[in-house]
Amino acid sequence: MGVVGRKVIDTQNMKSSLYGFGINDADYPIKTRVDGKCVIVPEYSRWISVVQRSNDPKEKARKPHYEDVYCSEKWKYFTDFSTWLHTQPYWRVLALDKDILIKGNKEYGPDTCCFVPQYLNGLLYTKSKTGQFLIGVSLTKSGKYSSEPWFRTDVADSLMSRVWDLRLHAATGVITMTL
């Protein structure tokens, strides 16, 4: 037995760190074979994705927008991430987002992330073909910003209003609503 960080774990069975950061401290198998196919525990898949985005040099080189992204020490251990994950409604079907609660955020962690529908996540942060603006936004000849007609809908307005309400609630430290 040994102490790693703040946890006492069996160091003989401890796997090496994932991408030089994450530690799988689960006391159960995280993958198995079913009908000849490898099946990974969904919580572990989510955790691997976060750790990879924030620590893998190859991923950061392939996707430069992850260059300054890092993972909170609170999610260094798989079981800590998994425990937080199970407090989040609909985590199995929603996308984990680090940018909605705190504009320009670079940290993946329990205090900075939330789950949102994938289409909303993509809508807010996908760039246009020119890379200058978000999809649906353009600059007019007069120098004003305009949204495309397909983007001007009651649904989009309502959704954006709720996003800004979420940011406001996050800033006060009290989140009492979901998208």
Protein backbone atom coordinates (compact mmCIF):
# COMPACT_ATOMS: atom_id res chain seq x y z
CA MET A 1 0.00 0.00 0.00
CA GLY A 2 1.11 3.54 -0.63
CA VAL A 3 -0.16 7.09 -0.59
CA VAL A 4 -0.63 8.83 -3.93
CA GLY A 5 -1.81 12.40 -3.54
CA ARG A 6 -4.46 12.23 -0.85
CA LYS A 7 -5.58 8.64 -1.47
CA VAL A 8 -4.30 5.40 -0.05
CA ILE A 9 -4.21 2.88 -2.88
CA ASP A 10 -2.60 -0.45 -3.68
CA THR A 11 0.51 0.75 -5.54
CA GLN A 12 1.34 -2.77 -6.74
CA ASN A 13 -1.83 -2.84 -8.85
CA MET A 14 -1.76 0.85 -9.83
CA LYS A 15 -1.49 1.43 -13.54
CA SER A 16 0.84 4.08 -14.91
CA SER A 17 -0.58 7.55 -15.31
CA LEU A 18 -2.70 8.32 -18.36
CA TYR A 19 -1.02 10.96 -20.55
CA GLY A 20 1.30 11.77 -17.64
CA PHE A 21 -1.61 13.00 -15.51
CA GLY A 22 -4.65 10.82 -14.88
CA ILE A 23 -4.69 7.87 -12.48
CA ASN A 24 -7.15 5.02 -12.85
CA ASP A 25 -7.86 4.17 -9.22
CA ALA A 26 -10.97 2.08 -9.93
CA ASP A 27 -11.21 -1.15 -7.96
CA TYR A 28 -13.16 -2.79 -10.80
CA PRO A 29 -12.40 -3.57 -14.45
CA ILE A 30 -12.93 -0.60 -16.74
CA LYS A 31 -13.16 -2.70 -19.88
CA THR A 32 -14.30 -6.18 -20.85
CA ARG A 33 -15.08 -8.24 -23.93
CA VAL A 34 -18.69 -8.79 -25.00
CA ASP A 35 -19.31 -10.92 -28.08
CA GLY A 36 -15.66 -10.48 -29.01
CA LYS A 37 -15.80 -6.66 -28.82
CA CYS A 38 -14.03 -4.50 -26.26
CA VAL A 39 -16.54 -2.59 -24.12
CA ILE A 40 -15.30 0.27 -21.96
CA VAL A 41 -17.18 1.63 -18.94
CA PRO A 42 -18.88 4.86 -20.19
CA GLU A 43 -17.61 6.91 -17.24
CA TYR A 44 -14.05 5.88 -18.06
CA SER A 45 -14.49 6.83 -21.72
CA ARG A 46 -15.62 10.31 -20.68
CA TRP A 47 -12.68 10.67 -18.29
CA ILE A 48 -10.13 9.49 -20.88
CA SER A 49 -11.43 12.10 -23.31
CA VAL A 50 -10.97 14.94 -20.80
CA VAL A 51 -7.50 13.76 -19.73
CA GLN A 52 -6.42 13.35 -23.37
CA ARG A 53 -7.65 16.79 -24.45
CA SER A 54 -5.85 18.45 -21.57
CA ASN A 55 -2.60 16.45 -21.44
CA ASP A 56 -1.78 14.66 -24.68
CA PRO A 57 0.81 16.61 -26.74
CA LYS A 58 -0.32 14.84 -29.95
CA GLU A 59 -3.96 15.87 -29.34
CA LYS A 60 -2.90 19.45 -28.63
CA ALA A 61 -0.82 19.55 -31.83
CA ARG A 62 -3.71 18.11 -33.85
CA LYS A 63 -6.26 20.50 -32.28
CA PRO A 64 -4.55 23.80 -31.43
CA HIS A 65 -7.62 25.11 -29.56
CA TYR A 66 -6.66 22.66 -26.77
CA GLU A 67 -3.14 24.11 -26.47
CA ASP A 68 -3.68 25.91 -23.14
CA VAL A 69 -6.37 23.58 -21.83
CA TYR A 70 -5.67 21.70 -18.59
CA CYS A 71 -7.48 19.36 -16.22
CA SER A 72 -8.22 20.20 -12.59
CA GLU A 73 -6.37 18.20 -9.95
CA LYS A 74 -9.88 17.33 -8.69
CA TRP A 75 -10.25 15.07 -11.74
CA LYS A 76 -6.78 13.51 -11.64
CA TYR A 77 -8.27 10.31 -10.22
CA PHE A 78 -10.86 8.44 -12.28
CA THR A 79 -13.12 7.71 -9.29
CA ASP A 80 -13.31 11.41 -8.38
CA PHE A 81 -14.43 12.23 -11.92
CA SER A 82 -16.89 9.33 -11.90
CA THR A 83 -18.40 10.44 -8.59
CA TRP A 84 -18.93 13.97 -9.95
CA LEU A 85 -20.29 12.56 -13.22
CA HIS A 86 -23.04 10.69 -11.41
CA THR A 87 -24.28 13.94 -9.84
CA GLN A 88 -24.92 15.35 -13.32
CA PRO A 89 -28.30 14.72 -14.96
CA TYR A 90 -28.28 13.30 -18.49
CA TRP A 91 -24.47 12.94 -18.62
CA ARG A 92 -24.83 9.89 -20.85
CA VAL A 93 -26.49 11.83 -23.68
CA LEU A 94 -25.07 15.36 -23.34
CA ALA A 95 -21.69 16.89 -24.21
CA LEU A 96 -19.26 17.99 -21.51
CA ASP A 97 -18.48 21.68 -21.97
CA LYS A 98 -15.88 23.85 -20.27
CA ASP A 99 -16.69 27.15 -22.02
CA ILE A 100 -20.34 27.92 -21.31
CA LEU A 101 -20.17 28.65 -17.57
CA ILE A 102 -16.99 30.72 -17.79
CA LYS A 103 -16.19 32.51 -21.04
CA GLY A 104 -12.68 31.70 -22.26
CA ASN A 105 -12.21 29.00 -19.60
CA LYS A 106 -9.25 26.64 -20.12
CA GLU A 107 -9.84 24.25 -17.19
CA TYR A 108 -11.74 20.99 -17.23
CA GLY A 109 -13.00 20.52 -13.69
CA PRO A 110 -16.08 20.07 -11.52
CA ASP A 111 -16.39 23.81 -10.87
CA THR A 112 -15.98 24.89 -14.49
CA CYS A 113 -17.82 22.29 -16.59
CA CYS A 114 -21.42 21.40 -17.31
CA PHE A 115 -23.30 19.16 -19.72
CA VAL A 116 -25.12 20.64 -22.72
CA PRO A 117 -26.74 19.28 -25.88
CA GLN A 118 -24.13 18.63 -28.58
CA TYR A 119 -25.85 20.95 -31.07
CA LEU A 120 -25.61 23.83 -28.59
CA ASN A 121 -21.98 23.09 -27.86
CA GLY A 122 -21.19 23.10 -31.59
CA LEU A 123 -23.33 26.15 -32.29
CA LEU A 124 -21.57 28.32 -29.75
CA TYR A 125 -18.00 27.43 -30.55
CA THR A 126 -17.79 26.28 -34.16
CA LYS A 127 -16.15 28.82 -36.42
CA SER A 128 -17.39 29.86 -39.83
CA LYS A 129 -15.53 28.78 -42.97
CA THR A 130 -13.37 31.90 -42.77
CA GLY A 131 -12.68 31.21 -39.10
CA GLN A 132 -13.49 34.80 -38.14
CA PHE A 133 -16.91 34.36 -36.56
CA LEU A 134 -19.16 31.75 -35.06
CA ILE A 135 -21.41 29.94 -37.53
CA GLY A 136 -24.37 32.11 -38.47
CA VAL A 137 -22.58 35.40 -37.75
CA SER A 138 -21.17 37.74 -40.36
CA LEU A 139 -19.94 41.30 -40.68
CA THR A 140 -22.05 43.59 -42.88
CA LYS A 141 -20.62 46.18 -45.27
CA SER A 142 -21.48 48.87 -42.74
CA GLY A 143 -19.29 47.14 -40.13
CA LYS A 144 -22.12 45.75 -38.01
CA TYR A 145 -22.53 42.13 -37.01
CA SER A 146 -25.49 40.25 -38.43
CA SER A 147 -26.88 36.77 -37.94
CA GLU A 148 -27.98 34.57 -40.79
CA PRO A 149 -31.77 34.22 -41.33
CA TRP A 150 -31.74 30.51 -40.37
CA PHE A 151 -30.26 31.49 -37.00
CA ARG A 152 -32.94 34.07 -36.18
CA THR A 153 -35.48 31.85 -34.51
CA ASP A 154 -37.38 31.92 -31.25
CA VAL A 155 -35.68 28.66 -30.30
CA ALA A 156 -32.18 30.06 -30.79
CA ASP A 157 -33.06 33.26 -28.93
CA SER A 158 -34.53 31.28 -26.06
CA LEU A 159 -31.53 28.96 -25.93
CA MET A 160 -29.04 31.82 -25.93
CA SER A 161 -31.03 33.58 -23.23
CA ARG A 162 -30.80 30.46 -21.07
CA VAL A 163 -27.04 30.18 -21.73
CA TRP A 164 -26.50 33.72 -20.49
CA ASP A 165 -28.75 33.02 -17.48
CA LEU A 166 -26.61 29.95 -16.75
CA ARG A 167 -23.45 32.06 -16.92
CA LEU A 168 -25.00 34.62 -14.57
CA HIS A 169 -26.05 31.93 -12.10
CA ALA A 170 -22.59 30.34 -12.32
CA ALA A 171 -20.96 33.68 -11.53
CA THR A 172 -23.00 33.92 -8.32
CA GLY A 173 -22.12 30.33 -7.44
CA VAL A 174 -25.72 29.13 -7.47
CA ILE A 175 -26.95 27.09 -10.42
CA THR A 176 -30.62 26.26 -10.09
CA MET A 177 -31.47 25.63 -13.71
CA THR A 178 -30.46 23.49 -16.66
CA LEU A 179 -30.62 24.01 -20.40
